[in-house]
PDB file of N, CA and C in Angstrom:
ATOM      1  N   MET A   1       0.786  -1.205   0.000  1.00  0.00           N
ATOM      2  CA  MET A   1       0.000   0.000   0.000  1.00  0.00           C
ATOM      3  C   MET A   1       0.836   1.282   0.000  1.00  0.00           C
ATOM      4  N   PRO A   2       2.148   1.240  -0.008  1.00  0.00           N
ATOM      5  CA  PRO A   2       2.904   2.495  -0.012  1.00  0.00           C
ATOM      6  C   PRO A   2       2.647   3.294  -1.284  1.00  0.00           C
ATOM      7  N   LYS A   3       2.620   4.610  -1.137  1.00  0.00           N
ATOM      8  CA  LYS A   3       2.422   5.533  -2.254  1.00  0.00           C
ATOM      9  C   LYS A   3       1.062   5.378  -2.931  1.00  0.00           C
ATOM     10  N   GLU A   4       0.134   4.757  -2.250  1.00  0.00           N
ATOM     11  CA  GLU A   4      -1.220   4.584  -2.799  1.00  0.00           C
ATOM     12  C   GLU A   4      -1.967   5.900  -2.683  1.00  0.00           C
ATOM     13  N   ARG A   5      -2.744   6.229  -3.688  1.00  0.00           N
ATOM     14  CA  ARG A   5      -3.578   7.434  -3.642  1.00  0.00           C
ATOM     15  C   ARG A   5      -4.859   7.127  -2.892  1.00  0.00           C
ATOM     16  N   PHE A   6      -5.364   8.120  -2.173  1.00  0.00           N
ATOM     17  CA  PHE A   6      -6.607   7.960  -1.422  1.00  0.00           C
ATOM     18  C   PHE A   6      -7.738   7.514  -2.344  1.00  0.00           C
ATOM     19  N   GLU A   7      -7.861   8.163  -3.493  1.00  0.00           N
ATOM     20  CA  GLU A   7      -8.958   7.866  -4.420  1.00  0.00           C
ATOM     21  C   GLU A   7      -8.893   6.427  -4.911  1.00  0.00           C
ATOM     22  N   ASP A   8      -7.689   5.936  -5.180  1.00  0.00           N
ATOM     23  CA  ASP A   8      -7.528   4.547  -5.625  1.00  0.00           C
ATOM     24  C   ASP A   8      -7.896   3.570  -4.512  1.00  0.00           C
ATOM     25  N   ALA A   9      -7.462   3.892  -3.299  1.00  0.00           N
ATOM     26  CA  ALA A   9      -7.762   3.029  -2.157  1.00  0.00           C
ATOM     27  C   ALA A   9      -9.268   2.994  -1.898  1.00  0.00           C
ATOM     28  N   LEU A  10      -9.911   4.142  -1.997  1.00  0.00           N
ATOM     29  CA  LEU A  10     -11.353   4.199  -1.788  1.00  0.00           C
ATOM     30  C   LEU A  10     -12.090   3.397  -2.857  1.00  0.00           C
ATOM     31  N   ASP A  11     -11.609   3.471  -4.086  1.00  0.00           N
ATOM     32  CA  ASP A  11     -12.206   2.696  -5.174  1.00  0.00           C
ATOM     33  C   ASP A  11     -12.085   1.197  -4.892  1.00  0.00           C
ATOM     34  N   LYS A  12     -10.915   0.767  -4.434  1.00  0.00           N
ATOM     35  CA  LYS A  12     -10.724  -0.651  -4.105  1.00  0.00           C
ATOM     36  C   LYS A  12     -11.662  -1.071  -2.972  1.00  0.00           C
ATOM     37  N   LEU A  13     -11.798  -0.208  -1.981  1.00  0.00           N
ATOM     38  CA  LEU A  13     -12.686  -0.504  -0.856  1.00  0.00           C
ATOM     39  C   LEU A  13     -14.134  -0.624  -1.327  1.00  0.00           C
ATOM     40  N   GLU A  14     -14.556   0.275  -2.199  1.00  0.00           N
ATOM     41  CA  GLU A  14     -15.925   0.216  -2.726  1.00  0.00           C
ATOM     42  C   GLU A  14     -16.166  -1.073  -3.504  1.00  0.00           C
ATOM     43  N   LYS A  15     -15.175  -1.517  -4.268  1.00  0.00           N
ATOM     44  CA  LYS A  15     -15.319  -2.772  -5.021  1.00  0.00           C
ATOM     45  C   LYS A  15     -15.427  -3.971  -4.081  1.00  0.00           C
ATOM     46  N   ILE A  16     -14.651  -3.934  -3.008  1.00  0.00           N
ATOM     47  CA  ILE A  16     -14.713  -5.025  -2.030  1.00  0.00           C
ATOM     48  C   ILE A  16     -16.096  -5.061  -1.389  1.00  0.00           C
ATOM     49  N   VAL A  17     -16.605  -3.912  -1.006  1.00  0.00           N
ATOM     50  CA  VAL A  17     -17.935  -3.841  -0.392  1.00  0.00           C
ATOM     51  C   VAL A  17     -18.986  -4.383  -1.355  1.00  0.00           C
ATOM     52  N   SER A  18     -18.881  -4.009  -2.612  1.00  0.00           N
ATOM     53  CA  SER A  18     -19.845  -4.504  -3.612  1.00  0.00           C
ATOM     54  C   SER A  18     -19.796  -6.021  -3.721  1.00  0.00           C
ATOM     55  N   ARG A  19     -18.593  -6.572  -3.761  1.00  0.00           N
ATOM     56  CA  ARG A  19     -18.459  -8.042  -3.850  1.00  0.00           C
ATOM     57  C   ARG A  19     -19.069  -8.713  -2.632  1.00  0.00           C
ATOM     58  N   LEU A  20     -18.817  -8.132  -1.455  1.00  0.00           N
ATOM     59  CA  LEU A  20     -19.368  -8.717  -0.230  1.00  0.00           C
ATOM     60  C   LEU A  20     -20.889  -8.614  -0.205  1.00  0.00           C
ATOM     61  N   GLU A  21     -21.423  -7.518  -0.703  1.00  0.00           N
ATOM     62  CA  GLU A  21     -22.879  -7.332  -0.717  1.00  0.00           C
ATOM     63  C   GLU A  21     -23.562  -8.267  -1.700  1.00  0.00           C
ATOM     64  N   GLU A  22     -22.869  -8.667  -2.748  1.00  0.00           N
ATOM     65  CA  GLU A  22     -23.452  -9.602  -3.712  1.00  0.00           C
ATOM     66  C   GLU A  22     -23.798 -10.921  -3.043  1.00  0.00           C
ATOM     67  N   GLY A  23     -22.951 -11.344  -2.134  1.00  0.00           N
ATOM     68  CA  GLY A  23     -23.236 -12.535  -1.343  1.00  0.00           C
ATOM     69  C   GLY A  23     -23.060 -13.860  -2.051  1.00  0.00           C
ATOM     70  N   ASP A  24     -22.494 -13.890  -3.237  1.00  0.00           N
ATOM     71  CA  ASP A  24     -22.347 -15.163  -3.955  1.00  0.00           C
ATOM     72  C   ASP A  24     -20.920 -15.707  -3.873  1.00  0.00           C
ATOM     73  N   ILE A  25     -20.231 -15.440  -2.767  1.00  0.00           N
ATOM     74  CA  ILE A  25     -18.867 -15.954  -2.570  1.00  0.00           C
ATOM     75  C   ILE A  25     -18.838 -16.773  -1.291  1.00  0.00           C
ATOM     76  N   SER A  26     -17.816 -17.600  -1.194  1.00  0.00           N
ATOM     77  CA  SER A  26     -17.712 -18.494  -0.039  1.00  0.00           C
ATOM     78  C   SER A  26     -17.385 -17.702   1.229  1.00  0.00           C
ATOM     79  N   LEU A  27     -17.583 -18.360   2.356  1.00  0.00           N
ATOM     80  CA  LEU A  27     -17.264 -17.746   3.643  1.00  0.00           C
ATOM     81  C   LEU A  27     -15.774 -17.400   3.710  1.00  0.00           C
ATOM     82  N   GLU A  28     -14.951 -18.304   3.245  1.00  0.00           N
ATOM     83  CA  GLU A  28     -13.507 -18.079   3.271  1.00  0.00           C
ATOM     84  C   GLU A  28     -13.124 -16.858   2.420  1.00  0.00           C
ATOM     85  N   GLU A  29     -13.703 -16.772   1.233  1.00  0.00           N
ATOM     86  CA  GLU A  29     -13.431 -15.627   0.361  1.00  0.00           C
ATOM     87  C   GLU A  29     -13.985 -14.341   0.975  1.00  0.00           C
ATOM     88  N   SER A  30     -15.147 -14.432   1.614  1.00  0.00           N
ATOM     89  CA  SER A  30     -15.734 -13.269   2.280  1.00  0.00           C
ATOM     90  C   SER A  30     -14.815 -12.750   3.382  1.00  0.00           C
ATOM     91  N   LEU A  31     -14.281 -13.666   4.174  1.00  0.00           N
ATOM     92  CA  LEU A  31     -13.376 -13.263   5.252  1.00  0.00           C
ATOM     93  C   LEU A  31     -12.099 -12.629   4.694  1.00  0.00           C
ATOM     94  N   LYS A  32     -11.600 -13.198   3.614  1.00  0.00           N
ATOM     95  CA  LYS A  32     -10.402 -12.648   2.979  1.00  0.00           C
ATOM     96  C   LYS A  32     -10.676 -11.225   2.463  1.00  0.00           C
ATOM     97  N   LEU A  33     -11.801 -11.040   1.802  1.00  0.00           N
ATOM     98  CA  LEU A  33     -12.172  -9.719   1.301  1.00  0.00           C
ATOM     99  C   LEU A  33     -12.418  -8.739   2.450  1.00  0.00           C
ATOM    100  N   PHE A  34     -13.069  -9.224   3.512  1.00  0.00           N
ATOM    101  CA  PHE A  34     -13.331  -8.377   4.664  1.00  0.00           C
ATOM    102  C   PHE A  34     -12.020  -7.876   5.266  1.00  0.00           C
ATOM    103  N   GLU A  35     -11.060  -8.775   5.411  1.00  0.00           N
ATOM    104  CA  GLU A  35      -9.746  -8.406   5.960  1.00  0.00           C
ATOM    105  C   GLU A  35      -9.067  -7.358   5.073  1.00  0.00           C
ATOM    106  N   GLU A  36      -9.110  -7.560   3.769  1.00  0.00           N
ATOM    107  CA  GLU A  36      -8.525  -6.601   2.844  1.00  0.00           C
ATOM    108  C   GLU A  36      -9.266  -5.257   2.924  1.00  0.00           C
ATOM    109  N   GLY A  37     -10.583  -5.327   3.047  1.00  0.00           N
ATOM    110  CA  GLY A  37     -11.382  -4.115   3.163  1.00  0.00           C
ATOM    111  C   GLY A  37     -11.039  -3.317   4.415  1.00  0.00           C
ATOM    112  N   ILE A  38     -10.796  -4.016   5.512  1.00  0.00           N
ATOM    113  CA  ILE A  38     -10.409  -3.341   6.755  1.00  0.00           C
ATOM    114  C   ILE A  38      -9.080  -2.614   6.556  1.00  0.00           C
ATOM    115  N   LYS A  39      -8.149  -3.247   5.873  1.00  0.00           N
ATOM    116  CA  LYS A  39      -6.852  -2.600   5.612  1.00  0.00           C
ATOM    117  C   LYS A  39      -7.036  -1.325   4.794  1.00  0.00           C
ATOM    118  N   TRP A  40      -7.860  -1.393   3.742  1.00  0.00           N
ATOM    119  CA  TRP A  40      -8.094  -0.205   2.912  1.00  0.00           C
ATOM    120  C   TRP A  40      -8.860   0.859   3.685  1.00  0.00           C
ATOM    121  N   SER A  41      -9.786   0.438   4.521  1.00  0.00           N
ATOM    122  CA  SER A  41     -10.545   1.381   5.335  1.00  0.00           C
ATOM    123  C   SER A  41      -9.620   2.134   6.292  1.00  0.00           C
ATOM    124  N   ARG A  42      -8.714   1.430   6.916  1.00  0.00           N
ATOM    125  CA  ARG A  42      -7.752   2.070   7.828  1.00  0.00           C
ATOM    126  C   ARG A  42      -6.828   3.008   7.063  1.00  0.00           C
ATOM    127  N   PHE A  43      -6.405   2.592   5.885  1.00  0.00           N
ATOM    128  CA  PHE A  43      -5.550   3.439   5.049  1.00  0.00           C
ATOM    129  C   PHE A  43      -6.279   4.744   4.713  1.00  0.00           C
ATOM    130  N   CYS A  44      -7.539   4.626   4.286  1.00  0.00           N
ATOM    131  CA  CYS A  44      -8.328   5.822   3.938  1.00  0.00           C
ATOM    132  C   CYS A  44      -8.529   6.715   5.153  1.00  0.00           C
ATOM    133  N   SER A  45      -8.824   6.129   6.290  1.00  0.00           N
ATOM    134  CA  SER A  45      -9.010   6.911   7.512  1.00  0.00           C
ATOM    135  C   SER A  45      -7.740   7.673   7.868  1.00  0.00           C
ATOM    136  N   GLN A  46      -6.606   7.010   7.725  1.00  0.00           N
ATOM    137  CA  GLN A  46      -5.326   7.660   8.029  1.00  0.00           C
ATOM    138  C   GLN A  46      -5.090   8.845   7.088  1.00  0.00           C
ATOM    139  N   LYS A  47      -5.372   8.648   5.800  1.00  0.00           N
ATOM    140  CA  LYS A  47      -5.186   9.727   4.829  1.00  0.00           C
ATOM    141  C   LYS A  47      -6.119  10.902   5.131  1.00  0.00           C
ATOM    142  N   LEU A  48      -7.351  10.616   5.527  1.00  0.00           N
ATOM    143  CA  LEU A  48      -8.294  11.681   5.873  1.00  0.00           C
ATOM    144  C   LEU A  48      -7.835  12.439   7.118  1.00  0.00           C
ATOM    145  N   GLU A  49      -7.313  11.712   8.107  1.00  0.00           N
ATOM    146  CA  GLU A  49      -6.798  12.366   9.314  1.00  0.00           C
ATOM    147  C   GLU A  49      -5.608  13.266   8.971  1.00  0.00           C
ATOM    148  N   GLU A  50      -4.722  12.795   8.098  1.00  0.00           N
ATOM    149  CA  GLU A  50      -3.580  13.602   7.676  1.00  0.00           C
ATOM    150  C   GLU A  50      -4.046  14.871   6.972  1.00  0.00           C
ATOM    151  N   ALA A  51      -5.038  14.741   6.118  1.00  0.00           N
ATOM    152  CA  ALA A  51      -5.562  15.904   5.400  1.00  0.00           C
ATOM    153  C   ALA A  51      -6.195  16.885   6.387  1.00  0.00           C
ATOM    154  N   GLU A  52      -6.920  16.365   7.364  1.00  0.00           N
ATOM    155  CA  GLU A  52      -7.550  17.227   8.362  1.00  0.00           C
ATOM    156  C   GLU A  52      -6.496  18.010   9.149  1.00  0.00           C
ATOM    157  N   LYS A  53      -5.400  17.351   9.509  1.00  0.00           N
ATOM    158  CA  LYS A  53      -4.332  18.036  10.238  1.00  0.00           C
ATOM    159  C   LYS A  53      -3.700  19.132   9.384  1.00  0.00           C
ATOM    160  N   LYS A  54      -3.520  18.868   8.103  1.00  0.00           N
ATOM    161  CA  LYS A  54      -2.965  19.884   7.215  1.00  0.00           C
ATOM    162  C   LYS A  54      -3.895  21.089   7.119  1.00  0.00           C
ATOM    163  N   VAL A  55      -5.192  20.834   7.044  1.00  0.00           N
ATOM    164  CA  VAL A  55      -6.162  21.919   6.973  1.00  0.00           C
ATOM    165  C   VAL A  55      -6.118  22.738   8.262  1.00  0.00           C
ATOM    166  N   GLU A  56      -6.032  22.071   9.405  1.00  0.00           N
ATOM    167  CA  GLU A  56      -5.948  22.784  10.675  1.00  0.00           C
ATOM    168  C   GLU A  56      -4.726  23.685  10.712  1.00  0.00           C
ATOM    169  N   ILE A  57      -3.599  23.200  10.237  1.00  0.00           N
ATOM    170  CA  ILE A  57      -2.380  24.006  10.206  1.00  0.00           C
ATOM    171  C   ILE A  57      -2.584  25.230   9.330  1.00  0.00           C
ATOM    172  N   LEU A  58      -3.205  25.032   8.185  1.00  0.00           N
ATOM    173  CA  LEU A  58      -3.430  26.137   7.264  1.00  0.00           C
ATOM    174  C   LEU A  58      -4.401  27.175   7.813  1.00  0.00           C
ATOM    175  N   LEU A  59      -5.275  26.768   8.725  1.00  0.00           N
ATOM    176  CA  LEU A  59      -6.278  27.679   9.259  1.00  0.00           C
ATOM    177  C   LEU A  59      -5.844  28.376  10.549  1.00  0.00           C
ATOM    178  N   LYS A  60      -4.627  28.124  11.017  1.00  0.00           N
ATOM    179  CA  LYS A  60      -4.167  28.790  12.237  1.00  0.00           C
ATOM    180  C   LYS A  60      -3.732  30.214  11.918  1.00  0.00           C
ATOM    181  N   ASP A  61      -4.026  31.121  12.865  1.00  0.00           N
ATOM    182  CA  ASP A  61      -3.579  32.494  12.673  1.00  0.00           C
ATOM    183  C   ASP A  61      -2.147  32.639  13.188  1.00  0.00           C
ATOM    184  N   ARG A  62      -1.634  33.837  13.165  1.00  0.00           N
ATOM    185  CA  ARG A  62      -0.234  34.069  13.555  1.00  0.00           C
ATOM    186  C   ARG A  62       0.049  33.681  15.005  1.00  0.00           C
ATOM    187  N   GLU A  63      -0.962  33.761  15.856  1.00  0.00           N
ATOM    188  CA  GLU A  63      -0.771  33.403  17.268  1.00  0.00           C
ATOM    189  C   GLU A  63      -0.939  31.906  17.514  1.00  0.00           C
ATOM    190  N   GLY A  64      -1.265  31.165  16.486  1.00  0.00           N
ATOM    191  CA  GLY A  64      -1.437  29.720  16.618  1.00  0.00           C
ATOM    192  C   GLY A  64      -2.845  29.304  16.975  1.00  0.00           C
ATOM    193  N   ASN A  65      -3.759  30.280  17.054  1.00  0.00           N
ATOM    194  CA  ASN A  65      -5.152  29.957  17.333  1.00  0.00           C
ATOM    195  C   ASN A  65      -5.847  29.532  16.051  1.00  0.00           C
ATOM    196  N   ARG A  66      -6.644  28.517  16.168  1.00  0.00           N
ATOM    197  CA  ARG A  66      -7.342  28.033  14.980  1.00  0.00           C
ATOM    198  C   ARG A  66      -8.504  28.964  14.675  1.00  0.00           C
ATOM    199  N   LYS A  67      -8.576  29.389  13.449  1.00  0.00           N
ATOM    200  CA  LYS A  67      -9.703  30.211  13.027  1.00  0.00           C
ATOM    201  C   LYS A  67     -10.563  29.374  12.095  1.00  0.00           C
ATOM    202  N   THR A  68     -11.842  29.450  12.282  1.00  0.00           N
ATOM    203  CA  THR A  68     -12.736  28.662  11.436  1.00  0.00           C
ATOM    204  C   THR A  68     -13.435  29.581  10.457  1.00  0.00           C
ATOM    205  N   GLU A  69     -13.590  29.085   9.277  1.00  0.00           N
ATOM    206  CA  GLU A  69     -14.276  29.813   8.226  1.00  0.00           C
ATOM    207  C   GLU A  69     -15.213  28.842   7.532  1.00  0.00           C
ATOM    208  N   PRO A  70     -16.410  29.282   7.187  1.00  0.00           N
ATOM    209  CA  PRO A  70     -17.327  28.375   6.484  1.00  0.00           C
ATOM    210  C   PRO A  70     -16.772  28.029   5.107  1.00  0.00           C
ATOM    211  N   PHE A  71     -16.975  26.808   4.715  1.00  0.00           N
ATOM    212  CA  PHE A  71     -16.512  26.362   3.404  1.00  0.00           C
ATOM    213  C   PHE A  71     -17.532  26.768   2.358  1.00  0.00           C
ATOM    214  N   GLU A  72     -17.073  27.512   1.400  1.00  0.00           N
ATOM    215  CA  GLU A  72     -17.923  27.909   0.296  1.00  0.00           C
ATOM    216  C   GLU A  72     -17.196  27.578  -1.000  1.00  0.00           C
ATOM    217  N   PRO A  73     -17.647  26.560  -1.712  1.00  0.00           N
ATOM    218  CA  PRO A  73     -16.977  26.202  -2.961  1.00  0.00           C
ATOM    219  C   PRO A  73     -16.970  27.380  -3.926  1.00  0.00           C
ATOM    220  N   ILE A  74     -15.865  27.538  -4.616  1.00  0.00           N
ATOM    221  CA  ILE A  74     -15.763  28.602  -5.602  1.00  0.00           C
ATOM    222  C   ILE A  74     -15.382  27.998  -6.938  1.00  0.00           C
ATOM    223  N   ASN A  75     -15.731  28.714  -8.000  1.00  0.00           N
ATOM    224  CA  ASN A  75     -15.376  28.201  -9.319  1.00  0.00           C
ATOM    225  C   ASN A  75     -14.090  28.872  -9.786  1.00  0.00           C
ATOM    226  N   SER A  76     -13.547  28.432 -10.878  1.00  0.00           N
ATOM    227  CA  SER A  76     -12.257  28.920 -11.345  1.00  0.00           C
ATOM    228  C   SER A  76     -12.271  30.402 -11.689  1.00  0.00           C
ATOM    229  N   SER A  77     -13.392  30.950 -12.149  1.00  0.00           N
ATOM    230  CA  SER A  77     -13.435  32.375 -12.467  1.00  0.00           C
ATOM    231  C   SER A  77     -13.343  33.210 -11.193  1.00  0.00           C
ATOM    232  N   GLN A  78     -13.919  32.708 -10.088  1.00  0.00           N
ATOM    233  CA  GLN A  78     -13.801  33.418  -8.822  1.00  0.00           C
ATOM    234  C   GLN A  78     -12.364  33.395  -8.322  1.00  0.00           C
ATOM    235  N   ILE A  79     -11.653  32.313  -8.545  1.00  0.00           N
ATOM    236  CA  ILE A  79     -10.248  32.220  -8.141  1.00  0.00           C
ATOM    237  C   ILE A  79      -9.441  33.272  -8.883  1.00  0.00           C
ATOM    238  N   SER A  80      -9.672  33.415 -10.167  1.00  0.00           N
ATOM    239  CA  SER A  80      -8.964  34.420 -10.960  1.00  0.00           C
ATOM    240  C   SER A  80      -9.252  35.816 -10.449  1.00  0.00           C
ATOM    241  N   GLN A  81     -10.514  36.089 -10.128  1.00  0.00           N
ATOM    242  CA  GLN A  81     -10.894  37.407  -9.623  1.00  0.00           C
ATOM    243  C   GLN A  81     -10.232  37.690  -8.284  1.00  0.00           C
ATOM    244  N   GLU A  82     -10.212  36.697  -7.402  1.00  0.00           N
ATOM    245  CA  GLU A  82      -9.611  36.884  -6.088  1.00  0.00           C
ATOM    246  C   GLU A  82      -8.116  37.153  -6.192  1.00  0.00           C
ATOM    247  N   SER A  83      -7.414  36.423  -7.058  1.00  0.00           N
ATOM    248  CA  SER A  83      -5.979  36.633  -7.168  1.00  0.00           C
ATOM    249  C   SER A  83      -5.652  37.975  -7.811  1.00  0.00           C
ATOM    250  N   SER A  84      -6.516  38.482  -8.678  1.00  0.00           N
ATOM    251  CA  SER A  84      -6.254  39.785  -9.283  1.00  0.00           C
ATOM    252  C   SER A  84      -6.530  40.914  -8.302  1.00  0.00           C
ATOM    253  N   LYS A  85      -7.360  40.671  -7.264  1.00  0.00           N
ATOM    254  CA  LYS A  85      -7.658  41.685  -6.257  1.00  0.00           C
ATOM    255  C   LYS A  85      -6.537  41.826  -5.237  1.00  0.00           C
ATOM    256  N   ARG A  86      -5.701  40.813  -5.069  1.00  0.00           N
ATOM    257  CA  ARG A  86      -4.657  40.824  -4.051  1.00  0.00           C
ATOM    258  C   ARG A  86      -3.615  41.881  -4.324  1.00  0.00           C
ATOM    259  N   ASP A  87      -3.102  42.424  -3.243  1.00  0.00           N
ATOM    260  CA  ASP A  87      -2.007  43.372  -3.323  1.00  0.00           C
ATOM    261  C   ASP A  87      -0.742  42.571  -3.623  1.00  0.00           C
ATOM    262  N   PRO A  88      -0.022  42.881  -4.684  1.00  0.00           N
ATOM    263  CA  PRO A  88       1.173  42.097  -5.034  1.00  0.00           C
ATOM    264  C   PRO A  88       2.240  42.132  -3.957  1.00  0.00           C
ATOM    265  N   SER A  89       2.205  43.134  -3.080  1.00  0.00           N
ATOM    266  CA  SER A  89       3.212  43.200  -2.022  1.00  0.00           C
ATOM    267  C   SER A  89       2.907  42.253  -0.874  1.00  0.00           C
ATOM    268  N   GLU A  90       1.648  41.717  -0.829  1.00  0.00           N
ATOM    269  CA  GLU A  90       1.285  40.773   0.232  1.00  0.00           C
ATOM    270  C   GLU A  90       1.945  39.432  -0.044  1.00  0.00           C
ATOM    271  N   LYS A  91       2.473  38.845   1.013  1.00  0.00           N
ATOM    272  CA  LYS A  91       3.066  37.518   0.884  1.00  0.00           C
ATOM    273  C   LYS A  91       2.133  36.517   1.530  1.00  0.00           C
ATOM    274  N   ALA A  92       2.117  35.333   0.989  1.00  0.00           N
ATOM    275  CA  ALA A  92       1.328  34.269   1.607  1.00  0.00           C
ATOM    276  C   ALA A  92       1.976  33.909   2.928  1.00  0.00           C
ATOM    277  N   GLU A  93       1.144  33.621   3.932  1.00  0.00           N
ATOM    278  CA  GLU A  93       1.665  33.270   5.241  1.00  0.00           C
ATOM    279  C   GLU A  93       2.353  31.933   5.178  1.00  0.00           C
ATOM    280  N   GLU A  94       3.569  31.896   5.657  1.00  0.00           N
ATOM    281  CA  GLU A  94       4.334  30.654   5.681  1.00  0.00           C
ATOM    282  C   GLU A  94       3.921  29.820   6.878  1.00  0.00           C
ATOM    283  N   PRO A  95       3.762  28.500   6.705  1.00  0.00           N
ATOM    284  CA  PRO A  95       3.419  27.653   7.858  1.00  0.00           C
ATOM    285  C   PRO A  95       4.589  27.593   8.818  1.00  0.00           C
ATOM    286  N   SER A  96       4.277  27.551  10.109  1.00  0.00           N
ATOM    287  CA  SER A  96       5.346  27.462  11.102  1.00  0.00           C
ATOM    288  C   SER A  96       5.900  26.048  11.112  1.00  0.00           C
ATOM    289  N   GLU A  97       7.140  25.935  11.531  1.00  0.00           N
ATOM    290  CA  GLU A  97       7.792  24.622  11.547  1.00  0.00           C
ATOM    291  C   GLU A  97       7.324  23.760  12.695  1.00  0.00           C
ATOM    292  N   ASP A  98       6.767  24.368  13.737  1.00  0.00           N
ATOM    293  CA  ASP A  98       6.344  23.587  14.894  1.00  0.00           C
ATOM    294  C   ASP A  98       4.927  23.051  14.780  1.00  0.00           C
ATOM    295  N   GLY A  99       4.258  23.282  13.669  1.00  0.00           N
ATOM    296  CA  GLY A  99       2.974  22.660  13.386  1.00  0.00           C
ATOM    297  C   GLY A  99       1.854  23.493  13.758  1.00  0.00           C
TER     298      GLY A  99
END
């Protein structure tokens, strides 16, 4: 599983679940698939936890306090507009090394 992408792992997990739900496999094969599914499930959970920690780091202010902002999906034209509004002298905040 090293270097596996989250999306690929999730796809494999979904296929395993589908096979198990079909119910036309032996008990031994079901247990084998279940074990493999648990491994992929743990892998996906770990990747999601890592992503959550990265998001938390990105949302901390200069004092290290977490600031929350509502998630509002934006389209690519809004991204272009936002970047053109920025002051070119502003620098993006660098993440601290201590997390």
